[in-house]
């Protein structure tokens, strides 16, 4: 089963339609009202969050024996993770990573941004 998790950060006092923002970011567009993310720092922290049995097969691709795999893709304003066969507990690590950088989860599978505003 595949699942994608998406993270971005609004500028202060800005809030946009989440589905429209998601679609624009997936198309590689810059979105007025979003902050640029510290992508390199987020990738460095990702290595800490997934240091227990996970291995990078390429820079942005990870696998773990019997725990699934994930692939990271980024733009200056979005951090996205495509998860394959992962447990909820492992996927929750991405949510923790997003929180650490002030980026709530947007889940396009249910059309919800988990920031208490949508």
PDB file of N, CA and C in Angstrom:
ATOM      1  N   UNK A   1       0.831  -1.179   0.000  1.00  0.00           N
ATOM      2  CA  UNK A   1       0.000   0.000   0.000  1.00  0.00           C
ATOM      3  C   UNK A   1       0.878   1.246   0.000  1.00  0.00           C
ATOM      4  N   UNK A   2       0.532   2.210  -0.814  1.00  0.00           N
ATOM      5  CA  UNK A   2       1.277   3.460  -0.931  1.00  0.00           C
ATOM      6  C   UNK A   2       0.513   4.582  -0.238  1.00  0.00           C
ATOM      7  N   UNK A   3       1.269   5.504   0.369  1.00  0.00           N
ATOM      8  CA  UNK A   3       0.668   6.614   1.102  1.00  0.00           C
ATOM      9  C   UNK A   3       1.606   7.799   0.991  1.00  0.00           C
ATOM     10  N   UNK A   4       1.096   8.990   0.689  1.00  0.00           N
ATOM     11  CA  UNK A   4       2.006  10.129   0.665  1.00  0.00           C
ATOM     12  C   UNK A   4       1.658  11.138   1.748  1.00  0.00           C
ATOM     13  N   UNK A   5       2.697  11.680   2.345  1.00  0.00           N
ATOM     14  CA  UNK A   5       2.612  12.635   3.446  1.00  0.00           C
ATOM     15  C   UNK A   5       3.317  13.911   3.001  1.00  0.00           C
ATOM     16  N   UNK A   6       2.696  15.050   3.238  1.00  0.00           N
ATOM     17  CA  UNK A   6       3.195  16.318   2.711  1.00  0.00           C
ATOM     18  C   UNK A   6       3.263  17.370   3.801  1.00  0.00           C
ATOM     19  N   UNK A   7       4.329  18.183   3.734  1.00  0.00           N
ATOM     20  CA  UNK A   7       4.571  19.174   4.762  1.00  0.00           C
ATOM     21  C   UNK A   7       4.987  20.499   4.135  1.00  0.00           C
ATOM     22  N   UNK A   8       4.384  21.596   4.612  1.00  0.00           N
ATOM     23  CA  UNK A   8       4.780  22.940   4.232  1.00  0.00           C
ATOM     24  C   UNK A   8       4.459  23.862   5.383  1.00  0.00           C
ATOM     25  N   UNK A   9       4.934  25.094   5.286  1.00  0.00           N
ATOM     26  CA  UNK A   9       4.755  26.052   6.377  1.00  0.00           C
ATOM     27  C   UNK A   9       4.247  27.375   5.813  1.00  0.00           C
ATOM     28  N   UNK A  10       3.145  27.853   6.385  1.00  0.00           N
ATOM     29  CA  UNK A  10       2.606  29.149   5.986  1.00  0.00           C
ATOM     30  C   UNK A  10       3.394  30.276   6.634  1.00  0.00           C
ATOM     31  N   UNK A  11       3.457  31.408   5.941  1.00  0.00           N
ATOM     32  CA  UNK A  11       4.000  32.610   6.543  1.00  0.00           C
ATOM     33  C   UNK A  11       3.019  33.080   7.624  1.00  0.00           C
ATOM     34  N   UNK A  12       3.489  33.891   8.527  1.00  0.00           N
ATOM     35  CA  UNK A  12       2.666  34.389   9.628  1.00  0.00           C
ATOM     36  C   UNK A  12       1.410  35.067   9.106  1.00  0.00           C
ATOM     37  N   UNK A  13       0.276  34.754   9.734  1.00  0.00           N
ATOM     38  CA  UNK A  13      -1.019  35.352   9.420  1.00  0.00           C
ATOM     39  C   UNK A  13      -1.574  34.961   8.048  1.00  0.00           C
ATOM     40  N   UNK A  14      -1.003  33.937   7.403  1.00  0.00           N
ATOM     41  CA  UNK A  14      -1.478  33.487   6.086  1.00  0.00           C
ATOM     42  C   UNK A  14      -2.053  32.087   6.250  1.00  0.00           C
ATOM     43  N   UNK A  15      -3.178  31.842   5.586  1.00  0.00           N
ATOM     44  CA  UNK A  15      -3.722  30.493   5.518  1.00  0.00           C
ATOM     45  C   UNK A  15      -4.441  30.341   4.186  1.00  0.00           C
ATOM     46  N   UNK A  16      -4.060  29.341   3.419  1.00  0.00           N
ATOM     47  CA  UNK A  16      -4.589  29.110   2.081  1.00  0.00           C
ATOM     48  C   UNK A  16      -5.370  27.806   2.034  1.00  0.00           C
ATOM     49  N   UNK A  17      -6.104  27.603   0.972  1.00  0.00           N
ATOM     50  CA  UNK A  17      -6.792  26.343   0.764  1.00  0.00           C
ATOM     51  C   UNK A  17      -5.756  25.221   0.623  1.00  0.00           C
ATOM     52  N   UNK A  18      -5.859  24.216   1.458  1.00  0.00           N
ATOM     53  CA  UNK A  18      -4.837  23.163   1.506  1.00  0.00           C
ATOM     54  C   UNK A  18      -4.772  22.340   0.224  1.00  0.00           C
ATOM     55  N   UNK A  19      -5.903  21.963  -0.337  1.00  0.00           N
ATOM     56  CA  UNK A  19      -5.886  21.139  -1.555  1.00  0.00           C
ATOM     57  C   UNK A  19      -5.270  21.907  -2.723  1.00  0.00           C
ATOM     58  N   UNK A  20      -5.615  23.185  -2.846  1.00  0.00           N
ATOM     59  CA  UNK A  20      -5.051  24.009  -3.920  1.00  0.00           C
ATOM     60  C   UNK A  20      -3.548  24.184  -3.720  1.00  0.00           C
ATOM     61  N   UNK A  21      -3.141  24.415  -2.476  1.00  0.00           N
ATOM     62  CA  UNK A  21      -1.721  24.554  -2.165  1.00  0.00           C
ATOM     63  C   UNK A  21      -0.979  23.273  -2.497  1.00  0.00           C
ATOM     64  N   UNK A  22      -1.523  22.150  -2.092  1.00  0.00           N
ATOM     65  CA  UNK A  22      -0.923  20.847  -2.374  1.00  0.00           C
ATOM     66  C   UNK A  22      -0.762  20.634  -3.883  1.00  0.00           C
ATOM     67  N   UNK A  23      -1.810  20.899  -4.642  1.00  0.00           N
ATOM     68  CA  UNK A  23      -1.758  20.695  -6.094  1.00  0.00           C
ATOM     69  C   UNK A  23      -0.700  21.593  -6.733  1.00  0.00           C
ATOM     70  N   UNK A  24      -0.623  22.841  -6.296  1.00  0.00           N
ATOM     71  CA  UNK A  24       0.376  23.763  -6.844  1.00  0.00           C
ATOM     72  C   UNK A  24       1.789  23.301  -6.523  1.00  0.00           C
ATOM     73  N   UNK A  25       2.005  22.878  -5.286  1.00  0.00           N
ATOM     74  CA  UNK A  25       3.331  22.395  -4.887  1.00  0.00           C
ATOM     75  C   UNK A  25       3.718  21.136  -5.661  1.00  0.00           C
ATOM     76  N   UNK A  26       2.767  20.237  -5.866  1.00  0.00           N
ATOM     77  CA  UNK A  26       3.047  19.004  -6.626  1.00  0.00           C
ATOM     78  C   UNK A  26       3.383  19.308  -8.080  1.00  0.00           C
ATOM     79  N   UNK A  27       2.861  20.417  -8.588  1.00  0.00           N
ATOM     80  CA  UNK A  27       3.179  20.841  -9.955  1.00  0.00           C
ATOM     81  C   UNK A  27       4.497  21.603 -10.027  1.00  0.00           C
ATOM     82  N   UNK A  28       5.180  21.727  -8.886  1.00  0.00           N
ATOM     83  CA  UNK A  28       6.473  22.402  -8.848  1.00  0.00           C
ATOM     84  C   UNK A  28       6.385  23.916  -8.802  1.00  0.00           C
ATOM     85  N   UNK A  29       5.205  24.439  -8.548  1.00  0.00           N
ATOM     86  CA  UNK A  29       5.019  25.889  -8.504  1.00  0.00           C
ATOM     87  C   UNK A  29       5.419  26.450  -7.146  1.00  0.00           C
ATOM     88  N   UNK A  30       5.879  27.685  -7.150  1.00  0.00           N
ATOM     89  CA  UNK A  30       6.065  28.419  -5.896  1.00  0.00           C
ATOM     90  C   UNK A  30       4.708  28.966  -5.491  1.00  0.00           C
ATOM     91  N   UNK A  31       4.437  28.941  -4.211  1.00  0.00           N
ATOM     92  CA  UNK A  31       3.146  29.412  -3.704  1.00  0.00           C
ATOM     93  C   UNK A  31       3.379  30.628  -2.820  1.00  0.00           C
ATOM     94  N   UNK A  32       2.774  31.740  -3.223  1.00  0.00           N
ATOM     95  CA  UNK A  32       2.852  32.968  -2.433  1.00  0.00           C
ATOM     96  C   UNK A  32       2.186  32.715  -1.081  1.00  0.00           C
ATOM     97  N   UNK A  33       2.881  33.074  -0.012  1.00  0.00           N
ATOM     98  CA  UNK A  33       2.344  32.874   1.334  1.00  0.00           C
ATOM     99  C   UNK A  33       2.965  31.711   2.078  1.00  0.00           C
ATOM    100  N   UNK A  34       3.816  30.935   1.394  1.00  0.00           N
ATOM    101  CA  UNK A  34       4.527  29.836   2.058  1.00  0.00           C
ATOM    102  C   UNK A  34       5.973  30.226   2.294  1.00  0.00           C
ATOM    103  N   UNK A  35       6.528  29.695   3.359  1.00  0.00           N
ATOM    104  CA  UNK A  35       7.943  29.909   3.651  1.00  0.00           C
ATOM    105  C   UNK A  35       8.781  28.858   2.933  1.00  0.00           C
ATOM    106  N   UNK A  36      10.014  29.208   2.615  1.00  0.00           N
ATOM    107  CA  UNK A  36      10.963  28.200   2.171  1.00  0.00           C
ATOM    108  C   UNK A  36      11.355  27.375   3.392  1.00  0.00           C
ATOM    109  N   UNK A  37      11.547  26.094   3.172  1.00  0.00           N
ATOM    110  CA  UNK A  37      11.879  25.181   4.265  1.00  0.00           C
ATOM    111  C   UNK A  37      13.385  24.946   4.340  1.00  0.00           C
ATOM    112  N   UNK A  38      13.878  24.619   5.533  1.00  0.00           N
ATOM    113  CA  UNK A  38      15.301  24.269   5.673  1.00  0.00           C
ATOM    114  C   UNK A  38      15.506  22.799   5.257  1.00  0.00           C
ATOM    115  N   UNK A  39      15.423  22.542   3.969  1.00  0.00           N
ATOM    116  CA  UNK A  39      15.400  21.174   3.449  1.00  0.00           C
ATOM    117  C   UNK A  39      16.618  20.362   3.899  1.00  0.00           C
ATOM    118  N   UNK A  40      17.802  20.917   3.817  1.00  0.00           N
ATOM    119  CA  UNK A  40      19.002  20.156   4.209  1.00  0.00           C
ATOM    120  C   UNK A  40      18.958  19.765   5.682  1.00  0.00           C
ATOM    121  N   UNK A  41      18.505  20.673   6.524  1.00  0.00           N
ATOM    122  CA  UNK A  41      18.361  20.357   7.953  1.00  0.00           C
ATOM    123  C   UNK A  41      17.320  19.267   8.160  1.00  0.00           C
ATOM    124  N   UNK A  42      16.230  19.340   7.425  1.00  0.00           N
ATOM    125  CA  UNK A  42      15.183  18.321   7.551  1.00  0.00           C
ATOM    126  C   UNK A  42      15.709  16.961   7.110  1.00  0.00           C
ATOM    127  N   UNK A  43      16.480  16.920   6.039  1.00  0.00           N
ATOM    128  CA  UNK A  43      17.054  15.656   5.573  1.00  0.00           C
ATOM    129  C   UNK A  43      18.062  15.102   6.582  1.00  0.00           C
ATOM    130  N   UNK A  44      18.836  15.985   7.205  1.00  0.00           N
ATOM    131  CA  UNK A  44      19.772  15.542   8.247  1.00  0.00           C
ATOM    132  C   UNK A  44      19.022  14.938   9.430  1.00  0.00           C
ATOM    133  N   UNK A  45      17.930  15.562   9.840  1.00  0.00           N
ATOM    134  CA  UNK A  45      17.135  15.035  10.960  1.00  0.00           C
ATOM    135  C   UNK A  45      16.467  13.716  10.578  1.00  0.00           C
ATOM    136  N   UNK A  46      16.080  13.598   9.322  1.00  0.00           N
ATOM    137  CA  UNK A  46      15.481  12.358   8.842  1.00  0.00           C
ATOM    138  C   UNK A  46      16.415  11.180   9.094  1.00  0.00           C
ATOM    139  N   UNK A  47      17.702  11.395   8.894  1.00  0.00           N
ATOM    140  CA  UNK A  47      18.687  10.334   9.133  1.00  0.00           C
ATOM    141  C   UNK A  47      18.704   9.909  10.598  1.00  0.00           C
ATOM    142  N   UNK A  48      18.454  10.848  11.495  1.00  0.00           N
ATOM    143  CA  UNK A  48      18.389  10.532  12.924  1.00  0.00           C
ATOM    144  C   UNK A  48      17.101   9.765  13.224  1.00  0.00           C
ATOM    145  N   UNK A  49      15.981  10.239  12.678  1.00  0.00           N
ATOM    146  CA  UNK A  49      14.682   9.603  12.913  1.00  0.00           C
ATOM    147  C   UNK A  49      14.638   8.169  12.393  1.00  0.00           C
ATOM    148  N   UNK A  50      15.425   7.868  11.347  1.00  0.00           N
ATOM    149  CA  UNK A  50      15.385   6.544  10.730  1.00  0.00           C
ATOM    150  C   UNK A  50      16.754   5.862  10.760  1.00  0.00           C
ATOM    151  N   UNK A  51      17.408   5.931  11.904  1.00  0.00           N
ATOM    152  CA  UNK A  51      18.726   5.315  12.055  1.00  0.00           C
ATOM    153  C   UNK A  51      18.649   3.874  12.570  1.00  0.00           C
ATOM    154  N   UNK A  52      17.453   3.382  12.862  1.00  0.00           N
ATOM    155  CA  UNK A  52      17.300   2.059  13.471  1.00  0.00           C
ATOM    156  C   UNK A  52      16.808   0.996  12.484  1.00  0.00           C
ATOM    157  N   UNK A  53      17.702   0.476  11.697  1.00  0.00           N
ATOM    158  CA  UNK A  53      17.342  -0.609  10.787  1.00  0.00           C
ATOM    159  C   UNK A  53      16.973  -0.162   9.392  1.00  0.00           C
ATOM    160  N   UNK A  54      16.944   1.139   9.161  1.00  0.00           N
ATOM    161  CA  UNK A  54      16.644   1.659   7.829  1.00  0.00           C
ATOM    162  C   UNK A  54      17.941   1.955   7.111  1.00  0.00           C
ATOM    163  N   UNK A  55      17.961   1.718   5.815  1.00  0.00           N
ATOM    164  CA  UNK A  55      19.161   1.979   5.019  1.00  0.00           C
ATOM    165  C   UNK A  55      18.781   2.796   3.789  1.00  0.00           C
ATOM    166  N   UNK A  56      19.647   3.734   3.443  1.00  0.00           N
ATOM    167  CA  UNK A  56      19.434   4.501   2.225  1.00  0.00           C
ATOM    168  C   UNK A  56      19.929   3.689   1.041  1.00  0.00           C
ATOM    169  N   UNK A  57      19.059   3.463   0.071  1.00  0.00           N
ATOM    170  CA  UNK A  57      19.468   2.768  -1.152  1.00  0.00           C
ATOM    171  C   UNK A  57      19.967   3.771  -2.180  1.00  0.00           C
ATOM    172  N   UNK A  58      19.484   4.975  -2.092  1.00  0.00           N
ATOM    173  CA  UNK A  58      19.957   6.140  -2.829  1.00  0.00           C
ATOM    174  C   UNK A  58      19.731   7.316  -1.895  1.00  0.00           C
ATOM    175  N   UNK A  59      20.144   8.497  -2.290  1.00  0.00           N
ATOM    176  CA  UNK A  59      20.085   9.635  -1.369  1.00  0.00           C
ATOM    177  C   UNK A  59      18.699   9.855  -0.766  1.00  0.00           C
ATOM    178  N   UNK A  60      17.642   9.763  -1.555  1.00  0.00           N
ATOM    179  CA  UNK A  60      16.302  10.063  -1.046  1.00  0.00           C
ATOM    180  C   UNK A  60      15.403   8.834  -0.985  1.00  0.00           C
ATOM    181  N   UNK A  61      15.976   7.647  -1.097  1.00  0.00           N
ATOM    182  CA  UNK A  61      15.219   6.391  -1.029  1.00  0.00           C
ATOM    183  C   UNK A  61      15.721   5.562   0.145  1.00  0.00           C
ATOM    184  N   UNK A  62      14.778   5.056   0.928  1.00  0.00           N
ATOM    185  CA  UNK A  62      15.101   4.288   2.127  1.00  0.00           C
ATOM    186  C   UNK A  62      14.339   2.969   2.126  1.00  0.00           C
ATOM    187  N   UNK A  63      14.942   1.931   2.693  1.00  0.00           N
ATOM    188  CA  UNK A  63      14.285   0.632   2.850  1.00  0.00           C
ATOM    189  C   UNK A  63      14.674   0.026   4.189  1.00  0.00           C
ATOM    190  N   UNK A  64      13.794  -0.835   4.681  1.00  0.00           N
ATOM    191  CA  UNK A  64      14.092  -1.605   5.891  1.00  0.00           C
ATOM    192  C   UNK A  64      13.512  -3.005   5.701  1.00  0.00           C
ATOM    193  N   UNK A  65      14.267  -3.995   6.060  1.00  0.00           N
ATOM    194  CA  UNK A  65      13.798  -5.356   5.944  1.00  0.00           C
ATOM    195  C   UNK A  65      12.494  -5.512   6.718  1.00  0.00           C
ATOM    196  N   UNK A  66      11.489  -5.963   6.059  1.00  0.00           N
ATOM    197  CA  UNK A  66      10.148  -6.234   6.596  1.00  0.00           C
ATOM    198  C   UNK A  66       9.424  -5.018   7.179  1.00  0.00           C
ATOM    199  N   UNK A  67       9.937  -3.788   6.918  1.00  0.00           N
ATOM    200  CA  UNK A  67       9.267  -2.592   7.432  1.00  0.00           C
ATOM    201  C   UNK A  67       8.843  -1.646   6.316  1.00  0.00           C
ATOM    202  N   UNK A  68       9.103  -2.008   5.067  1.00  0.00           N
ATOM    203  CA  UNK A  68       8.681  -1.179   3.964  1.00  0.00           C
ATOM    204  C   UNK A  68       9.774  -0.287   3.426  1.00  0.00           C
ATOM    205  N   UNK A  69       9.351   0.760   2.742  1.00  0.00           N
ATOM    206  CA  UNK A  69      10.283   1.686   2.110  1.00  0.00           C
ATOM    207  C   UNK A  69       9.622   3.050   2.020  1.00  0.00           C
ATOM    208  N   UNK A  70      10.451   4.077   1.800  1.00  0.00           N
ATOM    209  CA  UNK A  70       9.910   5.399   1.549  1.00  0.00           C
ATOM    210  C   UNK A  70      10.852   6.182   0.651  1.00  0.00           C
ATOM    211  N   UNK A  71      10.270   7.138  -0.025  1.00  0.00           N
ATOM    212  CA  UNK A  71      11.017   8.005  -0.927  1.00  0.00           C
ATOM    213  C   UNK A  71      10.669   9.449  -0.577  1.00  0.00           C
ATOM    214  N   UNK A  72      11.682  10.285  -0.483  1.00  0.00           N
ATOM    215  CA  UNK A  72      11.501  11.690  -0.155  1.00  0.00           C
ATOM    216  C   UNK A  72      11.660  12.518  -1.425  1.00  0.00           C
ATOM    217  N   UNK A  73      10.791  13.496  -1.588  1.00  0.00           N
ATOM    218  CA  UNK A  73      10.970  14.480  -2.652  1.00  0.00           C
ATOM    219  C   UNK A  73      10.722  15.856  -2.036  1.00  0.00           C
ATOM    220  N   UNK A  74      11.430  16.842  -2.555  1.00  0.00           N
ATOM    221  CA  UNK A  74      11.341  18.181  -1.977  1.00  0.00           C
ATOM    222  C   UNK A  74      11.282  19.242  -3.065  1.00  0.00           C
ATOM    223  N   UNK A  75      10.745  20.366  -2.683  1.00  0.00           N
ATOM    224  CA  UNK A  75      10.893  21.618  -3.403  1.00  0.00           C
ATOM    225  C   UNK A  75      11.338  22.604  -2.335  1.00  0.00           C
ATOM    226  N   UNK A  76      11.656  23.823  -2.695  1.00  0.00           N
ATOM    227  CA  UNK A  76      12.026  24.764  -1.634  1.00  0.00           C
ATOM    228  C   UNK A  76      10.927  24.967  -0.588  1.00  0.00           C
ATOM    229  N   UNK A  77       9.668  24.713  -0.962  1.00  0.00           N
ATOM    230  CA  UNK A  77       8.558  24.976  -0.046  1.00  0.00           C
ATOM    231  C   UNK A  77       7.836  23.729   0.446  1.00  0.00           C
ATOM    232  N   UNK A  78       8.200  22.544  -0.021  1.00  0.00           N
ATOM    233  CA  UNK A  78       7.479  21.332   0.367  1.00  0.00           C
ATOM    234  C   UNK A  78       8.448  20.183   0.647  1.00  0.00           C
ATOM    235  N   UNK A  79       8.085  19.412   1.663  1.00  0.00           N
ATOM    236  CA  UNK A  79       8.781  18.181   2.014  1.00  0.00           C
ATOM    237  C   UNK A  79       7.746  17.074   1.892  1.00  0.00           C
ATOM    238  N   UNK A  80       7.952  16.141   0.962  1.00  0.00           N
ATOM    239  CA  UNK A  80       6.973  15.081   0.697  1.00  0.00           C
ATOM    240  C   UNK A  80       7.629  13.727   0.895  1.00  0.00           C
ATOM    241  N   UNK A  81       6.851  12.804   1.460  1.00  0.00           N
ATOM    242  CA  UNK A  81       7.328  11.442   1.662  1.00  0.00           C
ATOM    243  C   UNK A  81       6.285  10.484   1.096  1.00  0.00           C
ATOM    244  N   UNK A  82       6.722   9.619   0.184  1.00  0.00           N
ATOM    245  CA  UNK A  82       5.868   8.549  -0.340  1.00  0.00           C
ATOM    246  C   UNK A  82       6.261   7.270   0.388  1.00  0.00           C
ATOM    247  N   UNK A  83       5.301   6.695   1.098  1.00  0.00           N
ATOM    248  CA  UNK A  83       5.534   5.531   1.949  1.00  0.00           C
ATOM    249  C   UNK A  83       4.967   4.277   1.287  1.00  0.00           C
ATOM    250  N   UNK A  84       5.697   3.176   1.391  1.00  0.00           N
ATOM    251  CA  UNK A  84       5.291   1.906   0.787  1.00  0.00           C
ATOM    252  C   UNK A  84       5.398   0.794   1.824  1.00  0.00           C
ATOM    253  N   UNK A  85       4.254   0.254   2.214  1.00  0.00           N
ATOM    254  CA  UNK A  85       4.236  -0.876   3.141  1.00  0.00           C
ATOM    255  C   UNK A  85       4.766  -0.559   4.531  1.00  0.00           C
ATOM    256  N   UNK A  86       4.652   0.686   4.956  1.00  0.00           N
ATOM    257  CA  UNK A  86       5.161   1.088   6.265  1.00  0.00           C
ATOM    258  C   UNK A  86       4.067   1.032   7.321  1.00  0.00           C
ATOM    259  N   UNK A  87       4.477   0.816   8.561  1.00  0.00           N
ATOM    260  CA  UNK A  87       3.532   0.828   9.680  1.00  0.00           C
ATOM    261  C   UNK A  87       3.165   2.267  10.028  1.00  0.00           C
ATOM    262  N   UNK A  88       2.037   2.413  10.699  1.00  0.00           N
ATOM    263  CA  UNK A  88       1.618   3.725  11.170  1.00  0.00           C
ATOM    264  C   UNK A  88       2.638   4.341  12.110  1.00  0.00           C
ATOM    265  N   UNK A  89       3.246   3.512  12.955  1.00  0.00           N
ATOM    266  CA  UNK A  89       4.251   4.026  13.893  1.00  0.00           C
ATOM    267  C   UNK A  89       5.433   4.627  13.151  1.00  0.00           C
ATOM    268  N   UNK A  90       5.901   3.934  12.111  1.00  0.00           N
ATOM    269  CA  UNK A  90       7.024   4.471  11.345  1.00  0.00           C
ATOM    270  C   UNK A  90       6.612   5.736  10.591  1.00  0.00           C
ATOM    271  N   UNK A  91       5.403   5.757  10.034  1.00  0.00           N
ATOM    272  CA  UNK A  91       4.953   6.957   9.321  1.00  0.00           C
ATOM    273  C   UNK A  91       4.768   8.134  10.275  1.00  0.00           C
ATOM    274  N   UNK A  92       4.442   7.861  11.522  1.00  0.00           N
ATOM    275  CA  UNK A  92       4.303   8.933  12.508  1.00  0.00           C
ATOM    276  C   UNK A  92       5.623   9.661  12.758  1.00  0.00           C
ATOM    277  N   UNK A  93       6.726   9.034  12.462  1.00  0.00           N
ATOM    278  CA  UNK A  93       8.018   9.706  12.612  1.00  0.00           C
ATOM    279  C   UNK A  93       8.105  10.912  11.682  1.00  0.00           C
ATOM    280  N   UNK A  94       7.503  10.807  10.508  1.00  0.00           N
ATOM    281  CA  UNK A  94       7.505  11.945   9.582  1.00  0.00           C
ATOM    282  C   UNK A  94       6.679  13.093  10.149  1.00  0.00           C
ATOM    283  N   UNK A  95       5.589  12.759  10.801  1.00  0.00           N
ATOM    284  CA  UNK A  95       4.756  13.785  11.425  1.00  0.00           C
ATOM    285  C   UNK A  95       5.552  14.502  12.511  1.00  0.00           C
ATOM    286  N   UNK A  96       6.311  13.733  13.296  1.00  0.00           N
ATOM    287  CA  UNK A  96       7.174  14.326  14.320  1.00  0.00           C
ATOM    288  C   UNK A  96       8.226  15.232  13.694  1.00  0.00           C
ATOM    289  N   UNK A  97       8.795  14.796  12.577  1.00  0.00           N
ATOM    290  CA  UNK A  97       9.790  15.599  11.868  1.00  0.00           C
ATOM    291  C   UNK A  97       9.162  16.911  11.398  1.00  0.00           C
ATOM    292  N   UNK A  98       7.986  16.817  10.807  1.00  0.00           N
ATOM    293  CA  UNK A  98       7.300  18.026  10.364  1.00  0.00           C
ATOM    294  C   UNK A  98       7.030  18.978  11.509  1.00  0.00           C
ATOM    295  N   UNK A  99       6.556  18.459  12.629  1.00  0.00           N
ATOM    296  CA  UNK A  99       6.276  19.294  13.806  1.00  0.00           C
ATOM    297  C   UNK A  99       7.534  20.007  14.280  1.00  0.00           C
ATOM    298  N   UNK A 100       8.646  19.290  14.256  1.00  0.00           N
ATOM    299  CA  UNK A 100       9.907  19.880  14.702  1.00  0.00           C
ATOM    300  C   UNK A 100      10.254  21.132  13.890  1.00  0.00           C
ATOM    301  N   UNK A 101       9.846  21.168  12.638  1.00  0.00           N
ATOM    302  CA  UNK A 101      10.144  22.297  11.769  1.00  0.00           C
ATOM    303  C   UNK A 101       8.926  23.194  11.511  1.00  0.00           C
ATOM    304  N   UNK A 102       7.885  23.031  12.321  1.00  0.00           N
ATOM    305  CA  UNK A 102       6.708  23.879  12.216  1.00  0.00           C
ATOM    306  C   UNK A 102       5.863  23.614  10.980  1.00  0.00           C
ATOM    307  N   UNK A 103       5.893  22.374  10.488  1.00  0.00           N
ATOM    308  CA  UNK A 103       5.167  22.003   9.271  1.00  0.00           C
ATOM    309  C   UNK A 103       4.175  20.890   9.578  1.00  0.00           C
ATOM    310  N   UNK A 104       2.905  21.215   9.779  1.00  0.00           N
ATOM    311  CA  UNK A 104       1.910  20.173  10.022  1.00  0.00           C
ATOM    312  C   UNK A 104       1.716  19.291   8.789  1.00  0.00           C
ATOM    313  N   UNK A 105       1.246  18.105   9.022  1.00  0.00           N
ATOM    314  CA  UNK A 105       0.965  17.141   7.951  1.00  0.00           C
ATOM    315  C   UNK A 105      -0.236  17.581   7.129  1.00  0.00           C
ATOM    316  N   UNK A 106      -0.108  17.470   5.801  1.00  0.00           N
ATOM    317  CA  UNK A 106      -1.272  17.502   4.918  1.00  0.00           C
ATOM    318  C   UNK A 106      -1.388  16.105   4.334  1.00  0.00           C
ATOM    319  N   UNK A 107      -2.540  15.490   4.524  1.00  0.00           N
ATOM    320  CA  UNK A 107      -2.800  14.146   4.036  1.00  0.00           C
ATOM    321  C   UNK A 107      -3.787  14.229   2.872  1.00  0.00           C
ATOM    322  N   UNK A 108      -3.304  14.118   1.622  1.00  0.00           N
ATOM    323  CA  UNK A 108      -4.205  14.235   0.481  1.00  0.00           C
ATOM    324  C   UNK A 108      -5.167  13.063   0.344  1.00  0.00           C
ATOM    325  N   UNK A 109      -4.864  11.953   0.986  1.00  0.00           N
ATOM    326  CA  UNK A 109      -5.761  10.811   0.930  1.00  0.00           C
ATOM    327  C   UNK A 109      -7.097  11.107   1.614  1.00  0.00           C
ATOM    328  N   UNK A 110      -7.073  11.984   2.608  1.00  0.00           N
ATOM    329  CA  UNK A 110      -8.304  12.378   3.299  1.00  0.00           C
ATOM    330  C   UNK A 110      -8.607  13.869   3.134  1.00  0.00           C
ATOM    331  N   UNK A 111      -7.733  14.594   2.434  1.00  0.00           N
ATOM    332  CA  UNK A 111      -7.955  16.009   2.171  1.00  0.00           C
ATOM    333  C   UNK A 111      -7.892  16.891   3.395  1.00  0.00           C
ATOM    334  N   UNK A 112      -7.010  16.553   4.355  1.00  0.00           N
ATOM    335  CA  UNK A 112      -6.944  17.280   5.617  1.00  0.00           C
ATOM    336  C   UNK A 112      -5.527  17.709   5.936  1.00  0.00           C
ATOM    337  N   UNK A 113      -5.397  18.947   6.371  1.00  0.00           N
ATOM    338  CA  UNK A 113      -4.137  19.440   6.927  1.00  0.00           C
ATOM    339  C   UNK A 113      -4.330  19.441   8.445  1.00  0.00           C
ATOM    340  N   UNK A 114      -3.474  18.748   9.151  1.00  0.00           N
ATOM    341  CA  UNK A 114      -3.624  18.552  10.591  1.00  0.00           C
ATOM    342  C   UNK A 114      -2.962  19.668  11.377  1.00  0.00           C
ATOM    343  N   UNK A 115      -3.575  20.841  11.268  1.00  0.00           N
ATOM    344  CA  UNK A 115      -3.064  22.010  11.972  1.00  0.00           C
ATOM    345  C   UNK A 115      -4.136  22.680  12.822  1.00  0.00           C
ATOM    346  N   UNK A 116      -5.305  22.030  12.917  1.00  0.00           N
ATOM    347  CA  UNK A 116      -6.397  22.576  13.722  1.00  0.00           C
ATOM    348  C   UNK A 116      -7.167  23.697  13.050  1.00  0.00           C
ATOM    349  N   UNK A 117      -6.845  24.008  11.787  1.00  0.00           N
ATOM    350  CA  UNK A 117      -7.530  25.103  11.089  1.00  0.00           C
ATOM    351  C   UNK A 117      -8.398  24.619   9.945  1.00  0.00           C
ATOM    352  N   UNK A 118      -8.149  23.422   9.431  1.00  0.00           N
ATOM    353  CA  UNK A 118      -8.929  22.967   8.275  1.00  0.00           C
ATOM    354  C   UNK A 118      -9.933  21.908   8.635  1.00  0.00           C
TER     355      UNK A 118
END
